[in-house]
Protein backbone atom coordinates (compact mmCIF):
# COMPACT_ATOMS: atom_id res chain seq x y z
CA UNK A 1 8.90 23.30 -38.89
CA UNK A 2 12.14 22.30 -40.54
CA UNK A 3 13.00 18.70 -41.34
CA UNK A 4 14.90 16.94 -38.56
CA UNK A 5 18.47 15.95 -39.34
CA UNK A 6 18.40 12.28 -38.28
CA UNK A 7 21.14 9.71 -38.70
CA UNK A 8 20.32 6.13 -39.68
CA UNK A 9 21.55 4.14 -36.66
CA UNK A 10 22.32 1.07 -38.80
CA UNK A 11 24.69 2.97 -41.14
CA UNK A 12 27.40 4.67 -39.16
CA UNK A 13 29.23 5.85 -42.28
CA UNK A 14 26.37 7.79 -43.94
CA UNK A 15 27.17 11.27 -42.70
CA UNK A 16 24.68 13.84 -43.81
CA UNK A 17 26.00 17.20 -45.03
CA UNK A 18 26.57 19.68 -42.27
CA UNK A 19 26.51 17.02 -39.47
CA UNK A 20 29.93 15.93 -37.98
CA UNK A 21 28.34 13.75 -35.28
CA UNK A 22 28.10 10.81 -37.68
CA UNK A 23 31.86 10.80 -38.24
CA UNK A 24 32.48 10.96 -34.53
CA UNK A 25 30.02 8.12 -33.94
CA UNK A 26 31.71 6.03 -36.63
CA UNK A 27 35.18 6.61 -35.22
CA UNK A 28 34.03 5.80 -31.68
CA UNK A 29 32.31 2.59 -32.76
CA UNK A 30 35.35 1.54 -34.78
CA UNK A 31 37.62 2.19 -31.81
CA UNK A 32 35.40 0.18 -29.50
CA UNK A 33 35.28 -2.75 -31.92
CA UNK A 34 39.06 -2.68 -32.35
CA UNK A 35 39.59 -2.60 -28.59
CA UNK A 36 37.32 -5.63 -28.18
CA UNK A 37 39.33 -7.47 -30.83
CA UNK A 38 42.56 -6.59 -29.06
CA UNK A 39 41.20 -7.83 -25.71
CA UNK A 40 40.08 -11.11 -27.26
CA UNK A 41 43.47 -11.62 -28.88
CA UNK A 42 45.50 -11.18 -25.70
CA UNK A 43 46.63 -14.51 -24.17
CA UNK A 44 44.44 -15.50 -21.23
CA UNK A 45 42.24 -12.43 -21.47
CA UNK A 46 39.13 -14.10 -22.86
CA UNK A 47 36.44 -14.81 -20.27
CA UNK A 48 35.86 -18.45 -19.45
CA UNK A 49 32.64 -20.14 -20.47
CA UNK A 50 30.06 -20.53 -17.75
CA UNK A 51 30.52 -23.76 -15.80
CA UNK A 52 27.40 -25.88 -15.45
CA UNK A 53 26.23 -26.65 -11.94
CA UNK A 54 26.78 -30.38 -12.41
CA UNK A 55 29.04 -31.69 -15.14
CA UNK A 56 28.24 -35.34 -14.61
CA UNK A 57 27.16 -37.31 -17.67
CA UNK A 58 24.23 -39.52 -16.75
CA UNK A 59 22.68 -40.64 -20.05
CA UNK A 60 24.32 -42.32 -22.99
CA UNK A 61 27.10 -44.06 -21.03
CA UNK A 62 28.05 -47.62 -21.99
CA UNK A 63 30.48 -49.94 -20.20
CA UNK A 64 31.83 -53.13 -21.75
CA UNK A 65 32.94 -55.48 -18.96
CA UNK A 66 34.98 -58.67 -19.38
CA UNK A 67 33.55 -62.12 -18.79
CA UNK A 68 29.95 -61.14 -19.54
CA UNK A 69 29.67 -59.07 -16.33
CA UNK A 70 26.74 -56.68 -16.26
CA UNK A 71 27.60 -52.96 -15.95
CA UNK A 72 24.49 -51.86 -14.04
CA UNK A 73 26.21 -52.19 -10.67
CA UNK A 74 28.93 -49.77 -11.76
CA UNK A 75 26.51 -47.05 -12.90
CA UNK A 76 24.08 -47.00 -9.98
CA UNK A 77 26.05 -44.54 -7.82
CA UNK A 78 26.24 -46.92 -4.85
CA UNK A 79 29.33 -48.55 -3.37
CA UNK A 80 26.98 -51.17 -1.94
CA UNK A 81 27.09 -52.89 -5.34
CA UNK A 82 30.19 -53.89 -7.28
CA UNK A 83 31.72 -56.05 -9.99
CA UNK A 84 34.53 -58.53 -9.36
CA UNK A 85 36.89 -58.03 -12.28
CA UNK A 86 39.34 -60.62 -13.64
CA UNK A 87 42.96 -59.56 -13.48
CA UNK A 88 44.74 -58.40 -16.60
CA UNK A 89 41.56 -57.76 -18.59
CA UNK A 90 40.04 -54.50 -19.84
CA UNK A 91 36.91 -52.36 -19.46
CA UNK A 92 35.60 -50.38 -22.42
CA UNK A 93 33.96 -46.99 -21.83
CA UNK A 94 31.80 -45.16 -24.39
CA UNK A 95 29.67 -42.05 -24.06
CA UNK A 96 27.42 -40.02 -26.37
CA UNK A 97 29.02 -36.90 -24.87
CA UNK A 98 32.73 -36.22 -24.60
CA UNK A 99 34.06 -36.71 -21.08
CA UNK A 100 37.12 -35.12 -19.50
CA UNK A 101 37.13 -36.88 -16.11
CA UNK A 102 36.44 -40.43 -14.93
CA UNK A 103 35.82 -40.94 -11.20
CA UNK A 104 36.24 -44.49 -9.90
CA UNK A 105 35.21 -46.02 -6.58
CA UNK A 106 37.25 -49.16 -5.92
CA UNK A 107 36.33 -51.58 -3.18
CA UNK A 108 39.96 -52.35 -2.32
CA UNK A 109 42.99 -50.34 -3.44
CA UNK A 110 43.96 -51.44 -6.97
CA UNK A 111 47.43 -52.17 -8.16
CA UNK A 112 49.04 -50.27 -11.02
CA UNK A 113 46.77 -50.05 -14.06
CA UNK A 114 46.44 -47.98 -17.26
CA UNK A 115 43.82 -45.72 -18.78
CA UNK A 116 43.78 -45.30 -22.57
CA UNK A 117 41.96 -42.44 -24.31
CA UNK A 118 42.59 -40.34 -27.41
CA UNK A 119 45.87 -42.06 -28.16
CA UNK A 120 47.28 -41.24 -24.72
CA UNK A 121 48.09 -43.69 -21.93
CA UNK A 122 47.77 -42.63 -18.29
CA UNK A 123 49.52 -44.60 -15.57
CA UNK A 124 47.11 -45.03 -12.66
CA UNK A 125 46.93 -46.82 -9.32
CA UNK A 126 50.38 -45.77 -8.07
CA UNK A 127 48.92 -44.08 -4.97
CA UNK A 128 46.46 -46.89 -4.18
CA UNK A 129 43.53 -44.46 -3.94
CA UNK A 130 40.25 -46.14 -3.11
CA UNK A 131 38.41 -43.18 -4.67
CA UNK A 132 40.41 -42.33 -7.79
CA UNK A 133 40.02 -39.50 -10.31
CA UNK A 134 41.31 -39.83 -13.87
CA UNK A 135 42.00 -36.54 -15.70
CA UNK A 136 42.10 -36.98 -19.46
CA UNK A 137 44.58 -35.02 -21.53
CA UNK A 138 41.74 -34.12 -23.90
CA UNK A 139 37.98 -34.89 -23.83
CA UNK A 140 37.06 -38.19 -25.44
CA UNK A 141 34.01 -40.30 -26.17
CA UNK A 142 35.76 -43.66 -25.90
CA UNK A 143 38.35 -45.04 -23.50
CA UNK A 144 39.66 -48.29 -22.07
CA UNK A 145 40.83 -49.34 -18.62
CA UNK A 146 43.62 -51.93 -18.65
CA UNK A 147 43.12 -53.64 -15.30
CA UNK A 148 45.88 -54.67 -12.89
CA UNK A 149 47.30 -58.16 -12.99
CA UNK A 150 45.48 -59.17 -9.82
CA UNK A 151 41.70 -59.46 -9.74
CA UNK A 152 40.01 -56.32 -8.43
CA UNK A 153 36.62 -55.16 -7.26
CA UNK A 154 35.12 -51.96 -8.66
CA UNK A 155 32.02 -50.28 -7.22
CA UNK A 156 31.25 -47.22 -9.36
CA UNK A 157 32.22 -45.37 -12.54
CA UNK A 158 31.25 -41.71 -13.05
CA UNK A 159 31.92 -39.62 -16.17
CA UNK A 160 32.14 -35.82 -16.21
CA UNK A 161 32.31 -33.20 -18.95
CA UNK A 162 34.93 -30.49 -19.05
CA UNK A 163 34.47 -27.84 -16.41
CA UNK A 164 34.29 -27.70 -12.65
CA UNK A 165 33.74 -30.98 -10.84
CA UNK A 166 31.06 -31.27 -8.17
CA UNK A 167 32.30 -30.81 -4.61
CA UNK A 168 31.60 -34.45 -3.73
CA UNK A 169 34.17 -35.72 -6.23
CA UNK A 170 37.29 -36.40 -4.18
CA UNK A 171 40.49 -35.12 -5.79
CA UNK A 172 43.05 -36.66 -3.47
CA UNK A 173 46.62 -35.51 -3.20
CA UNK A 174 49.39 -37.98 -2.31
CA UNK A 175 50.31 -38.73 1.29
CA UNK A 176 52.40 -35.82 2.55
CA UNK A 177 56.16 -35.85 2.75
CA UNK A 178 56.10 -33.46 5.72
CA UNK A 179 53.17 -32.39 7.88
CA UNK A 180 52.38 -29.33 9.92
CA UNK A 181 49.86 -31.40 11.86
CA UNK A 182 49.76 -35.18 12.30
CA UNK A 183 46.47 -36.56 13.61
CA UNK A 184 46.54 -40.13 14.96
CA UNK A 185 43.02 -41.56 15.35
CA UNK A 186 42.68 -45.23 16.19
CA UNK A 187 39.59 -46.01 14.13
CA UNK A 188 37.68 -44.41 11.29
CA UNK A 189 35.31 -41.84 12.92
CA UNK A 190 37.55 -41.09 15.94
CA UNK A 191 38.95 -38.11 14.04
CA UNK A 192 35.53 -36.42 14.25
CA UNK A 193 34.21 -37.75 17.54
CA UNK A 194 37.23 -36.96 19.72
CA UNK A 195 39.34 -34.52 17.70
CA UNK A 196 36.28 -32.40 16.94
CA UNK A 197 37.04 -29.27 14.95
CA UNK A 198 40.78 -29.88 14.50
CA UNK A 199 40.55 -31.13 10.91
CA UNK A 200 38.06 -28.54 9.59
CA UNK A 201 39.99 -25.75 11.33
CA UNK A 202 43.57 -26.60 10.41
CA UNK A 203 43.12 -28.53 7.16
CA UNK A 204 40.00 -26.88 5.76
CA UNK A 205 40.09 -23.31 7.04
CA UNK A 206 43.78 -22.61 7.60
CA UNK A 207 44.97 -24.82 4.73
CA UNK A 208 47.88 -26.28 6.70
CA UNK A 209 49.61 -29.51 5.71
CA UNK A 210 47.52 -32.00 7.70
CA UNK A 211 48.19 -35.73 7.57
CA UNK A 212 45.81 -38.24 9.14
CA UNK A 213 47.29 -41.65 10.03
CA UNK A 214 45.02 -44.37 11.43
CA UNK A 215 46.34 -47.08 13.70
CA UNK A 216 43.81 -49.68 12.54
CA UNK A 217 42.24 -50.54 9.22
CA UNK A 218 38.70 -51.64 8.39
CA UNK A 219 39.25 -53.82 5.35
CA UNK A 220 37.11 -56.46 7.03
CA UNK A 221 34.12 -54.07 6.98
CA UNK A 222 33.98 -53.02 3.37
CA UNK A 223 31.74 -49.95 3.87
CA UNK A 224 33.91 -48.27 6.52
CA UNK A 225 36.91 -47.33 4.32
CA UNK A 226 34.46 -45.43 2.08
CA UNK A 227 32.97 -43.69 5.11
CA UNK A 228 36.48 -42.77 6.23
CA UNK A 229 37.34 -41.05 2.94
CA UNK A 230 33.97 -39.33 2.66
CA UNK A 231 34.31 -37.93 6.18
CA UNK A 232 37.84 -36.60 5.65
CA UNK A 233 36.95 -34.97 2.34
CA UNK A 234 33.90 -33.32 3.93
CA UNK A 235 35.99 -31.55 6.58
CA UNK A 236 38.64 -30.28 4.17
CA UNK A 237 41.41 -32.90 4.28
CA UNK A 238 42.99 -33.34 0.84
CA UNK A 239 46.13 -35.39 1.61
CA UNK A 240 45.28 -39.07 1.30
CA UNK A 241 45.21 -40.79 4.69
CA UNK A 242 47.70 -43.37 5.83
CA UNK A 243 45.89 -46.56 6.84
CA UNK A 244 47.68 -48.57 9.51
CA UNK A 245 48.60 -52.26 9.32
CA UNK A 246 46.55 -53.31 12.35
CA UNK A 247 43.09 -54.75 11.74
CA UNK A 248 40.22 -53.44 13.85
CA UNK A 249 39.86 -56.36 16.26
CA UNK A 250 37.76 -56.90 19.34
CA UNK A 251 39.80 -56.23 22.47
CA UNK A 252 38.76 -58.29 25.50
CA UNK A 253 37.42 -56.12 28.35
CA UNK A 254 38.57 -53.01 26.48
CA UNK A 255 41.72 -52.94 28.63
CA UNK A 256 45.22 -51.72 27.86
CA UNK A 257 46.84 -55.07 28.64
CA UNK A 258 44.37 -56.86 26.37
CA UNK A 259 45.14 -54.42 23.55
CA UNK A 260 48.87 -54.96 24.05
CA UNK A 261 48.40 -58.72 23.74
CA UNK A 262 46.16 -58.32 20.69
CA UNK A 263 48.30 -55.91 18.71
CA UNK A 264 51.75 -56.27 20.24
CA UNK A 265 52.90 -53.18 22.07
CA UNK A 266 56.32 -53.16 20.45
CA UNK A 267 54.79 -53.30 16.97
CA UNK A 268 52.53 -50.32 17.64
CA UNK A 269 55.39 -48.35 19.20
CA UNK A 270 57.61 -48.97 16.17
CA UNK A 271 54.75 -47.87 13.93
CA UNK A 272 54.37 -44.61 15.90
CA UNK A 273 58.10 -43.84 15.85
CA UNK A 274 58.19 -44.31 12.09
CA UNK A 275 55.18 -41.99 11.62
CA UNK A 276 56.91 -39.21 13.54
CA UNK A 277 60.16 -39.63 11.65
CA UNK A 278 58.46 -39.88 8.29
CA UNK A 279 56.14 -36.87 8.52
CA UNK A 280 58.25 -34.70 10.86
CA UNK A 281 55.19 -32.89 12.17
CA UNK A 282 55.26 -29.62 14.08
CA UNK A 283 52.19 -30.67 16.10
CA UNK A 284 50.78 -34.13 16.88
CA UNK A 285 47.33 -34.96 18.25
CA UNK A 286 46.45 -38.29 19.87
CA UNK A 287 43.86 -40.04 22.02
CA UNK A 288 43.02 -39.93 25.70
CA UNK A 289 45.36 -42.05 27.83
CA UNK A 290 42.26 -43.50 29.47
CA UNK A 291 40.86 -44.48 26.07
CA UNK A 292 37.96 -41.97 26.15
CA UNK A 293 35.30 -44.50 27.18
CA UNK A 294 38.00 -47.04 28.16
CA UNK A 295 38.69 -48.49 24.72
CA UNK A 296 41.89 -50.54 24.98
CA UNK A 297 43.07 -49.76 21.45
CA UNK A 298 42.66 -46.03 22.12
CA UNK A 299 44.69 -46.39 25.29
CA UNK A 300 47.44 -48.29 23.50
CA UNK A 301 47.57 -45.75 20.69
CA UNK A 302 47.98 -42.89 23.19
CA UNK A 303 50.50 -44.66 25.42
CA UNK A 304 52.79 -45.66 22.57
CA UNK A 305 52.63 -42.11 21.18
CA UNK A 306 54.03 -40.73 24.44
CA UNK A 307 56.89 -43.21 24.30
CA UNK A 308 57.45 -42.59 20.58
CA UNK A 309 57.88 -38.86 21.19
CA UNK A 310 60.88 -39.69 23.41
CA UNK A 311 62.37 -42.23 21.00
CA UNK A 312 62.01 -40.70 17.52
CA UNK A 313 65.18 -38.65 17.99
CA UNK A 314 67.23 -41.62 19.22
CA UNK A 315 69.26 -43.20 16.43
CA UNK A 316 69.57 -46.43 18.41
CA UNK A 317 65.77 -46.87 18.52
CA UNK A 318 64.40 -48.68 15.47
CA UNK A 319 67.42 -48.04 13.24
CA UNK A 320 65.59 -49.14 10.08
CA UNK A 321 63.18 -46.21 10.14
CA UNK A 322 65.98 -43.91 11.34
CA UNK A 323 68.00 -44.85 8.29
CA UNK A 324 65.07 -44.40 5.94
CA UNK A 325 63.49 -41.22 7.30
CA UNK A 326 66.07 -39.69 9.59
CA UNK A 327 65.55 -38.57 13.19
CA UNK A 328 63.02 -36.05 14.45
CA UNK A 329 62.16 -34.08 17.58
CA UNK A 330 58.48 -33.15 17.58
CA UNK A 331 57.92 -29.58 18.85
CA UNK A 332 54.43 -30.13 20.35
CA UNK A 333 52.02 -32.98 21.06
CA UNK A 334 48.50 -32.91 22.50
CA UNK A 335 46.33 -35.70 23.86
CA UNK A 336 42.58 -35.60 24.06
CA UNK A 337 41.36 -34.88 27.62
CA UNK A 338 44.91 -34.75 29.00
CA UNK A 339 44.65 -33.07 32.41
CA UNK A 340 47.96 -31.18 32.53
CA UNK A 341 48.55 -28.00 30.51
CA UNK A 342 44.97 -28.20 29.35
CA UNK A 343 43.29 -26.02 26.76
CA UNK A 344 39.66 -25.77 25.64
CA UNK A 345 39.23 -25.13 21.92
CA UNK A 346 36.42 -22.96 20.61
CA UNK A 347 34.84 -24.91 17.79
CA UNK A 348 31.90 -22.48 17.43
CA UNK A 349 33.63 -19.83 15.35
CA UNK A 350 32.39 -19.50 11.74
CA UNK A 351 34.76 -20.78 9.08
CA UNK A 352 34.96 -18.84 5.83
CA UNK A 353 35.91 -21.83 3.68
CA UNK A 354 32.83 -23.70 4.86
CA UNK A 355 30.38 -20.88 4.15
CA UNK A 356 30.20 -19.67 7.75
CA UNK A 357 29.54 -23.05 9.31
CA UNK A 358 31.50 -23.70 12.48
CA UNK A 359 34.22 -26.25 13.11
CA UNK A 360 31.84 -28.13 15.40
CA UNK A 361 29.14 -28.23 12.71
CA UNK A 362 31.67 -29.54 10.22
CA UNK A 363 32.82 -32.22 12.69
CA UNK A 364 29.19 -33.30 13.00
CA UNK A 365 28.85 -33.32 9.22
CA UNK A 366 32.05 -35.32 8.83
CA UNK A 367 30.91 -37.89 11.36
CA UNK A 368 27.55 -38.18 9.59
CA UNK A 369 29.47 -39.75 6.68
CA UNK A 370 30.15 -42.73 8.98
CA UNK A 371 26.63 -44.07 8.59
CA UNK A 372 27.47 -47.40 10.18
CA UNK A 373 28.42 -45.65 13.44
CA UNK A 374 25.90 -42.85 13.89
CA UNK A 375 23.52 -45.09 15.83
CA UNK A 376 26.05 -45.55 18.61
CA UNK A 377 27.97 -42.26 18.93
CA UNK A 378 27.67 -38.52 18.36
CA UNK A 379 30.01 -35.52 18.32
CA UNK A 380 29.61 -33.60 21.57
CA UNK A 381 31.01 -30.57 23.35
CA UNK A 382 30.20 -31.77 26.85
CA UNK A 383 30.47 -34.86 29.03
CA UNK A 384 33.38 -36.52 30.75
CA UNK A 385 34.81 -38.39 27.76
CA UNK A 386 32.77 -37.03 24.83
CA UNK A 387 33.96 -33.43 24.93
CA UNK A 388 35.85 -32.83 21.68
CA UNK A 389 37.09 -29.39 22.78
CA UNK A 390 39.47 -30.45 25.56
CA UNK A 391 43.13 -31.28 25.02
CA UNK A 392 46.33 -31.17 27.05
CA UNK A 393 49.92 -30.45 26.07
CA UNK A 394 51.70 -33.72 26.83
CA UNK A 395 55.00 -32.81 25.14
CA UNK A 396 56.62 -29.50 24.16
CA UNK A 397 59.97 -28.21 23.00
CA UNK A 398 58.65 -24.65 22.58
CA UNK A 399 57.30 -23.93 26.05
CA UNK A 400 53.78 -24.04 27.49
CA UNK A 401 50.75 -22.40 25.93
CA UNK A 402 50.04 -18.95 27.33
CA UNK A 403 47.09 -17.68 25.28
CA UNK A 404 45.54 -21.08 24.57
CA UNK A 405 42.97 -21.85 21.91
CA UNK A 406 45.48 -22.63 19.15
CA UNK A 407 47.43 -25.86 18.78
CA UNK A 408 50.10 -23.94 16.88
CA UNK A 409 50.86 -21.38 19.58
CA UNK A 410 54.65 -20.81 19.69
CA UNK A 411 55.08 -22.68 16.39
CA UNK A 412 56.81 -20.98 13.48
CA UNK A 413 54.85 -21.79 10.32
CA UNK A 414 57.01 -19.75 7.94
CA UNK A 415 58.33 -21.76 4.99
CA UNK A 416 61.68 -23.39 5.48
CA UNK A 417 64.43 -21.59 3.56
CA UNK A 418 65.44 -23.12 0.28
CA UNK A 419 69.09 -24.19 -0.06
CA UNK A 420 71.31 -21.61 -1.71
CA UNK A 421 71.46 -22.28 -5.44
CA UNK A 422 74.79 -22.81 -7.11
CA UNK A 423 76.01 -19.72 -8.95
CA UNK A 424 75.09 -19.99 -12.62
CA UNK A 425 77.88 -20.42 -15.10
CA UNK A 426 78.24 -17.93 -17.92
CA UNK A 427 75.96 -19.10 -20.70
CA UNK A 428 77.45 -19.72 -24.08
CA UNK A 429 76.30 -17.27 -26.77
CA UNK A 430 73.45 -18.68 -28.84
CA UNK A 431 74.43 -20.13 -32.15
CA UNK A 432 72.61 -18.87 -35.24
CA UNK A 433 69.82 -21.10 -36.42
CA UNK A 434 69.66 -21.86 -40.11
CA UNK A 435 66.28 -22.06 -41.87
CA UNK A 436 66.81 -25.78 -42.30
CA UNK A 437 67.44 -26.28 -38.58
CA UNK A 438 64.44 -24.11 -37.73
CA UNK A 439 62.24 -26.30 -39.91
CA UNK A 440 63.41 -29.35 -37.95
CA UNK A 441 62.62 -27.94 -34.51
CA UNK A 442 60.36 -30.16 -32.41
CA UNK A 443 56.71 -29.25 -32.20
CA UNK A 444 57.12 -28.39 -28.53
CA UNK A 445 59.22 -25.37 -29.55
CA UNK A 446 56.78 -24.18 -32.20
CA UNK A 447 54.81 -21.83 -29.90
CA UNK A 448 58.06 -20.12 -28.87
CA UNK A 449 59.06 -19.64 -32.48
CA UNK A 450 55.61 -18.35 -33.35
CA UNK A 451 55.77 -15.88 -30.49
CA UNK A 452 59.22 -14.69 -31.55
CA UNK A 453 57.94 -14.21 -35.08
CA UNK A 454 54.68 -12.70 -33.90
CA UNK A 455 55.81 -9.08 -33.99
CA UNK A 456 56.18 -6.29 -31.50
CA UNK A 457 55.87 -6.76 -27.72
CA UNK A 458 55.98 -10.55 -27.95
CA UNK A 459 52.23 -10.65 -28.73
CA UNK A 460 50.60 -12.96 -31.29
CA UNK A 461 50.14 -11.43 -34.74
CA UNK A 462 46.37 -11.09 -34.22
CA UNK A 463 46.97 -9.02 -31.11
CA UNK A 464 49.41 -6.73 -32.96
CA UNK A 465 46.99 -6.20 -35.85
CA UNK A 466 44.12 -5.48 -33.47
CA UNK A 467 46.27 -3.06 -31.53
CA UNK A 468 47.19 -1.18 -34.70
CA UNK A 469 43.52 -1.03 -35.65
CA UNK A 470 42.68 0.42 -32.26
CA UNK A 471 45.48 3.00 -32.63
CA UNK A 472 44.28 3.95 -36.11
CA UNK A 473 40.74 4.36 -34.85
CA UNK A 474 41.88 6.58 -32.03
CA UNK A 475 43.88 8.76 -34.46
CA UNK A 476 40.86 8.97 -36.75
CA UNK A 477 38.72 10.07 -33.84
CA UNK A 478 41.22 12.78 -32.91
CA UNK A 479 41.38 13.96 -36.54
CA UNK A 480 37.60 14.21 -36.82
CA UNK A 481 37.27 16.10 -33.58
CA UNK A 482 40.10 18.48 -34.56
CA UNK A 483 38.54 19.10 -37.99
CA UNK A 484 35.17 19.85 -36.45
CA UNK A 485 36.71 22.21 -33.93
CA UNK A 486 38.53 24.12 -36.67
CA UNK A 487 35.35 24.33 -38.75
CA UNK A 488 33.37 25.62 -35.79
CA UNK A 489 35.99 28.31 -35.10
CA UNK A 490 35.99 29.33 -38.81
CA UNK A 491 32.23 29.63 -38.81
CA UNK A 492 32.37 31.75 -35.70
CA UNK A 493 34.84 34.15 -37.33
CA UNK A 494 32.61 34.47 -40.43
CA UNK A 495 29.56 35.25 -38.28
CA UNK A 496 31.49 38.04 -36.53
């Protein structure tokens, strides 16, 4: 038996006499390696590192609080504990691991404050977020919070590494300028109990511009504002809610007249008119005129909404808000349980953005965030005043609903056309840049200059080199194959 002609797999270049497969294998391997180098050099082509399931930093975190305050209450993950901070002071943050995000739970909205890390200063507090996320320009191990001038109360501080944040971290967007849908609950939790699947369907699933504006606030019950934000975030709302100026007060006998005396009907009506003018919604949703279970504040909120719909286009009504926001005619408005032009929503359809859970299930989950209220109420799809599926069209400029089942029937949701841009003027020809001027260019222009100097196709030099290597390898492979084919044909002629 003759000796086998084997190739050492670790030495692609050692071609044994009479065997062209080694050259082919070498050329193929070289081409593959060059192609990998080219792929890695292309901008944005490199695969991202795997994101850990939870990027929170738990160990090795140190907080330095002013006035000898103890930091344990800020690291326990509970807004039931807090630290009262002196105004105008600072908090030091240190971590054994570099952090890219800081998530803060305030007890009351802070004023303007600053975050210092890595030589950069971030202006914070402008949006008065109760749950506020700080995004660092670059990961750091040390930072400082320069507190607002007024004393504040802080509940929790969380640090996170670079990567994807856990779903429970609330990344709020500012209050909307214009809304597709404006929801007007009276109290925190009404948006789930009585509006049911509206928020998970239109904010979470359909990703419309949904603004929630509460008539009352719960600053007197410090846990309820946190429940409010947790519930909204759970059902897919990302625009920060507007919290009304009216405190949640006890209304004698739960009657409409008592609510009017408590809150002032004219004040609530002016508030509603301004909301409609400010957000210019296509659809508005409000409470039952009978107050669901008779609640006077619910009744007042619904009654003033009906009047506000007729007044928000009248320039003589509340001229201050007309001058600030302009006039508006709302296309559609629904009230919960309104008897005329009624529709019954189907909240039992699976929602893709919530992993197949239904709008009703998400309403239940959102309400569960209101832990202080779950003993007394529940989200239901039956009953005379509980049913969160039933609504009626109380106001329309686009005609009645024919198909039903969609609050946006007859509403055009296409983007509004942008104003025609002014015709561009003829640009002046670029002036030549001297080497001295090029050396003085700001650092911000350096990447552009590097790209211009990078070579063919606007690619970085590494990408060009790798591409040439890949081309050379391919040509080598073709040459080897051609040589072998010619040799084989010559051998065949000699044998004949």
